[in-house]
Amino acid sequence: MPQQRMGREMMWKIDQRCKVLSDSWLSPLSSSVVGVRFPRPKLVLSDASWNGGWLSQCMGVANHRMSSDKVNSLTEFQGYCRSTLSRHGMPPQSSLQLTAADVLAGGLSCEELRDMSVTVFASAGVRHNAVWAGDPASYDEDECGEFVPVSPGTINVMVFVNARLQAAVLPRIFTVVAEAKTNLLSERNVRSCYSSRMATGTGTDSTIVVSDPDAPRHLSTASTHSSLGMAVARATRVAIAEALDNAPDCIQDEYA
């Protein structure tokens, strides 16, 4: 029998929170931060600006709208990220995305498959930073780890999978997110700000994938032939589309 599918597109409201895992809720923590505090450690893979990479004992994830003039060096950047997490009650073992887009205008979508759910939250804006992968570089990193400017991410995606995922599944979900994002931008005819080509994303996108090691369901693949891959792709498209509709312009305001 085919698995029953029900997609839910949820309108994001400032005073709402959304259950993304069996024990965790995504909610606005301030006018510039949306995040999740985990009561138990989760397995997370991300390319977030702070605490990116593999986190086997991750205690939270957050997306923060910042202004690039908040930091002028790597040292200031590190202090800024630590302070942002602390001020919002986020554990130090949290992964933090940065963006210039309005996180409270983000998109939220959920795909449900029998006893499993995939929830995606996205903040987005492409007017000033859309790029085709291969466009001329905008900055370089020196031997001391310094680079200017420090550009916040513009399409930030959080994927919450209410299942135990094998390690190889998390990077596969990164690929599915990238494919879904690129396809959506192509459909909307979004072009690079740096060339005449179609945009494949922005130069500072970020993705976080969260797996629940305590979930009863175990999954070993996120191929786009699989139910999980389908759910991730569909939820990603809906969330990014909603975020673009809500905040078409990426405006650099002063946020704390």
Protein backbone atom coordinates (compact mmCIF):
# COMPACT_ATOMS: atom_id res chain seq x y z
CA MET A 1 0.00 0.00 0.00
CA PRO A 2 1.37 3.49 -0.77
CA GLN A 3 2.26 5.62 2.20
CA GLN A 4 -0.25 8.30 3.10
CA ARG A 5 1.06 11.81 2.61
CA MET A 6 -0.32 15.04 3.95
CA GLY A 7 1.52 18.31 3.41
CA ARG A 8 0.86 21.19 5.75
CA GLU A 9 1.82 24.77 4.87
CA MET A 10 1.86 26.86 8.05
CA MET A 11 1.69 30.63 8.17
CA TRP A 12 4.36 31.99 10.50
CA LYS A 13 3.12 34.30 13.24
CA ILE A 14 5.23 36.10 15.83
CA ASP A 15 3.29 34.72 18.80
CA GLN A 16 3.22 31.11 17.61
CA ARG A 17 5.50 28.15 18.13
CA CYS A 18 5.62 25.01 16.01
CA LYS A 19 6.38 21.46 17.11
CA VAL A 20 9.24 20.25 14.91
CA LEU A 21 10.31 17.14 16.82
CA SER A 22 8.58 14.99 19.43
CA ASP A 23 10.11 17.06 22.24
CA SER A 24 11.07 20.35 20.56
CA TRP A 25 9.32 23.50 19.34
CA LEU A 26 10.48 26.20 16.93
CA SER A 27 9.54 29.68 18.15
CA PRO A 28 10.49 33.35 17.86
CA LEU A 29 12.92 34.23 20.66
CA SER A 30 13.00 37.95 19.83
CA SER A 31 12.35 40.26 16.89
CA SER A 32 15.58 39.03 15.29
CA VAL A 33 15.92 35.38 16.35
CA VAL A 34 13.95 32.22 15.62
CA GLY A 35 15.20 29.09 17.32
CA VAL A 36 14.73 25.71 19.00
CA ARG A 37 16.12 24.61 22.36
CA PHE A 38 16.49 20.83 22.57
CA PRO A 39 15.73 19.18 25.93
CA ARG A 40 17.89 16.23 24.80
CA PRO A 41 20.92 16.28 22.46
CA LYS A 42 20.31 15.94 18.72
CA LEU A 43 22.54 14.93 15.84
CA VAL A 44 23.05 18.00 13.65
CA LEU A 45 24.96 18.73 10.47
CA SER A 46 25.17 22.34 9.35
CA ASP A 47 27.22 24.92 7.51
CA ALA A 48 25.99 27.61 9.91
CA SER A 49 28.14 30.62 10.66
CA TRP A 50 28.61 29.50 14.28
CA ASN A 51 29.09 25.89 15.41
CA GLY A 52 28.85 24.55 11.88
CA GLY A 53 29.86 21.01 10.96
CA TRP A 54 28.92 17.83 12.80
CA LEU A 55 27.41 18.25 16.28
CA SER A 56 26.57 14.94 17.96
CA GLN A 57 25.44 16.67 21.16
CA CYS A 58 23.67 19.72 19.75
CA MET A 59 21.37 21.44 22.23
CA GLY A 60 19.77 24.03 19.97
CA VAL A 61 19.60 25.73 16.57
CA ALA A 62 18.79 29.35 15.76
CA ASN A 63 18.53 31.78 12.85
CA HIS A 64 19.44 35.40 13.60
CA ARG A 65 18.93 38.56 11.58
CA MET A 66 21.98 40.76 11.95
CA SER A 67 23.58 43.76 10.31
CA SER A 68 27.01 43.20 8.79
CA ASP A 69 28.39 46.35 10.43
CA LYS A 70 28.03 44.63 13.81
CA VAL A 71 31.43 42.97 13.36
CA ASN A 72 34.70 44.06 11.80
CA SER A 73 36.99 41.16 12.68
CA LEU A 74 36.99 37.45 13.41
CA THR A 75 37.35 38.14 17.14
CA GLU A 76 34.34 40.49 17.14
CA PHE A 77 32.38 37.93 15.14
CA GLN A 78 33.04 35.17 17.67
CA GLY A 79 32.05 37.42 20.56
CA TYR A 80 28.92 38.53 18.73
CA CYS A 81 27.74 34.96 18.14
CA ARG A 82 28.38 33.91 21.75
CA SER A 83 26.55 36.98 23.03
CA THR A 84 23.59 36.43 20.71
CA LEU A 85 23.11 32.85 21.91
CA SER A 86 23.51 33.82 25.57
CA ARG A 87 21.08 36.75 25.39
CA HIS A 88 18.42 34.51 23.89
CA GLY A 89 18.81 31.69 26.38
CA MET A 90 20.38 29.34 23.84
CA PRO A 91 22.94 26.78 25.06
CA PRO A 92 26.54 27.30 23.90
CA GLN A 93 26.31 23.96 22.04
CA SER A 94 23.90 25.52 19.56
CA SER A 95 24.28 26.03 15.83
CA LEU A 96 23.64 29.64 14.76
CA GLN A 97 22.72 30.86 11.28
CA LEU A 98 23.08 34.52 10.35
CA THR A 99 21.03 36.39 7.76
CA ALA A 100 20.10 39.86 6.58
CA ALA A 101 16.52 38.73 5.91
CA ASP A 102 13.61 39.15 8.32
CA VAL A 103 13.45 35.81 10.15
CA LEU A 104 9.91 36.54 11.41
CA ALA A 105 8.76 36.69 7.79
CA GLY A 106 10.14 33.23 7.11
CA GLY A 107 8.33 30.27 5.59
CA LEU A 108 7.32 27.10 7.43
CA SER A 109 6.18 23.79 5.93
CA CYS A 110 5.60 20.26 7.19
CA GLU A 111 5.35 16.96 5.32
CA GLU A 112 3.92 13.96 7.19
CA LEU A 113 4.44 10.32 6.22
CA ARG A 114 2.83 7.75 8.49
CA ASP A 115 4.83 7.93 11.74
CA MET A 116 7.43 10.41 10.45
CA SER A 117 7.42 14.16 9.84
CA VAL A 118 9.75 16.59 8.09
CA THR A 119 9.48 20.27 9.02
CA VAL A 120 11.37 23.00 7.18
CA PHE A 121 11.80 26.63 8.21
CA ALA A 122 13.39 29.10 5.82
CA SER A 123 14.23 32.79 5.77
CA ALA A 124 15.01 34.24 2.37
CA GLY A 125 15.84 37.25 0.23
CA VAL A 126 17.58 37.27 -3.14
CA ARG A 127 17.50 40.85 -4.40
CA HIS A 128 21.05 41.82 -3.42
CA ASN A 129 22.97 38.54 -3.18
CA ALA A 130 21.64 36.04 -5.72
CA VAL A 131 24.53 34.20 -7.37
CA TRP A 132 25.25 31.52 -9.95
CA ALA A 133 27.73 28.99 -8.57
CA GLY A 134 30.92 29.94 -10.42
CA ASP A 135 30.41 33.72 -10.51
CA PRO A 136 33.48 35.86 -9.65
CA ALA A 137 34.34 35.72 -5.95
CA SER A 138 33.35 38.58 -3.65
CA TYR A 139 35.95 37.97 -0.93
CA ASP A 140 38.86 35.78 0.12
CA GLU A 141 39.95 34.45 3.51
CA ASP A 142 43.50 35.21 4.63
CA GLU A 143 45.89 33.00 6.60
CA CYS A 144 44.60 34.44 9.89
CA GLY A 145 41.00 33.57 9.11
CA GLU A 146 40.02 37.19 8.48
CA PHE A 147 37.79 38.19 5.59
CA VAL A 148 35.88 41.32 4.72
CA PRO A 149 33.01 41.74 4.34
CA VAL A 150 31.36 39.31 6.72
CA SER A 151 28.19 38.57 4.75
CA PRO A 152 25.19 37.06 6.58
CA GLY A 153 23.36 34.22 4.90
CA THR A 154 20.38 35.13 2.75
CA ILE A 155 18.57 31.82 2.18
CA ASN A 156 18.77 29.98 5.47
CA VAL A 157 17.06 26.59 5.76
CA MET A 158 16.43 24.44 8.84
CA VAL A 159 15.31 20.83 8.26
CA PHE A 160 13.91 18.89 11.23
CA VAL A 161 13.43 15.15 10.68
CA ASN A 162 11.48 13.35 13.37
CA ALA A 163 13.48 10.14 12.87
CA ARG A 164 16.87 8.56 13.59
CA LEU A 165 18.99 9.11 10.50
CA GLN A 166 22.13 7.24 9.54
CA ALA A 167 25.09 9.61 9.35
CA ALA A 168 25.26 9.55 5.55
CA VAL A 169 21.63 10.69 5.28
CA LEU A 170 22.27 14.16 6.70
CA PRO A 171 24.69 15.32 3.94
CA ARG A 172 22.35 13.74 1.38
CA ILE A 173 19.60 16.01 2.69
CA PHE A 174 21.93 18.97 1.99
CA THR A 175 21.94 17.89 -1.66
CA VAL A 176 18.15 17.58 -1.78
CA VAL A 177 17.75 21.05 -0.24
CA ALA A 178 20.16 22.54 -2.80
CA GLU A 179 18.33 20.87 -5.69
CA ALA A 180 14.93 22.04 -4.48
CA LYS A 181 16.18 25.58 -3.88
CA THR A 182 17.84 25.87 -7.28
CA ASN A 183 14.77 24.51 -9.04
CA LEU A 184 12.51 27.01 -7.27
CA LEU A 185 14.76 29.97 -8.12
CA SER A 186 14.83 28.86 -11.76
CA GLU A 187 11.04 28.64 -11.88
CA ARG A 188 10.85 32.17 -10.49
CA ASN A 189 13.43 33.41 -13.00
CA VAL A 190 15.75 34.73 -10.29
CA ARG A 191 19.01 35.86 -11.88
CA SER A 192 22.46 36.32 -10.44
CA CYS A 193 23.39 39.79 -9.18
CA TYR A 194 26.92 39.21 -10.52
CA SER A 195 26.35 37.80 -14.02
CA SER A 196 23.61 37.20 -16.58
CA ARG A 197 23.10 33.59 -15.50
CA MET A 198 20.22 32.09 -13.54
CA ALA A 199 20.84 32.15 -9.79
CA THR A 200 21.49 28.86 -8.04
CA GLY A 201 21.17 30.43 -4.60
CA THR A 202 22.91 33.29 -2.83
CA GLY A 203 26.58 33.53 -1.96
CA THR A 204 25.94 33.10 1.75
CA ASP A 205 23.22 30.45 2.05
CA SER A 206 23.12 28.17 5.07
CA THR A 207 21.48 24.83 5.87
CA ILE A 208 20.92 23.01 9.16
CA VAL A 209 19.71 19.39 9.29
CA VAL A 210 18.47 17.99 12.61
CA SER A 211 17.97 14.29 13.35
CA ASP A 212 16.41 12.96 16.56
CA PRO A 213 18.52 10.06 17.93
CA ASP A 214 15.70 9.13 20.33
CA ALA A 215 13.01 8.77 17.65
CA PRO A 216 11.60 5.26 17.11
CA ARG A 217 11.74 5.49 13.32
CA HIS A 218 15.08 4.73 11.65
CA LEU A 219 15.90 5.84 8.11
CA SER A 220 18.91 5.00 5.96
CA THR A 221 18.36 7.09 2.82
CA ALA A 222 17.18 10.49 1.64
CA SER A 223 17.40 9.73 -2.06
CA THR A 224 14.89 11.73 -4.07
CA HIS A 225 13.36 8.34 -4.97
CA SER A 226 12.58 7.83 -1.26
CA SER A 227 9.71 9.14 0.84
CA LEU A 228 12.12 11.13 3.00
CA GLY A 229 13.80 12.75 0.00
CA MET A 230 10.41 13.63 -1.46
CA ALA A 231 9.24 15.15 1.83
CA VAL A 232 12.41 17.21 2.28
CA ALA A 233 12.25 18.56 -1.27
CA ARG A 234 8.57 19.46 -1.09
CA ALA A 235 8.77 21.10 2.33
CA THR A 236 11.90 23.02 1.31
CA ARG A 237 10.25 24.41 -1.81
CA VAL A 238 7.16 25.53 0.10
CA ALA A 239 9.12 27.12 2.96
CA ILE A 240 11.53 29.05 0.70
CA ALA A 241 8.72 30.14 -1.61
CA GLU A 242 6.75 31.48 1.33
CA ALA A 243 9.81 33.26 2.72
CA LEU A 244 10.48 34.92 -0.65
CA ASP A 245 6.85 35.98 -0.91
CA ASN A 246 6.89 37.42 2.62
CA ALA A 247 10.25 39.21 2.35
CA PRO A 248 11.25 39.76 -1.29
CA ASP A 249 13.85 42.37 -0.35
CA CYS A 250 16.88 41.69 1.84
CA ILE A 251 17.13 44.95 3.76
CA GLN A 252 20.14 45.69 5.95
CA ASP A 253 18.57 47.14 9.10
CA GLU A 254 20.09 47.52 12.53
CA TYR A 255 19.11 44.59 14.73
CA ALA A 256 20.40 43.41 18.10
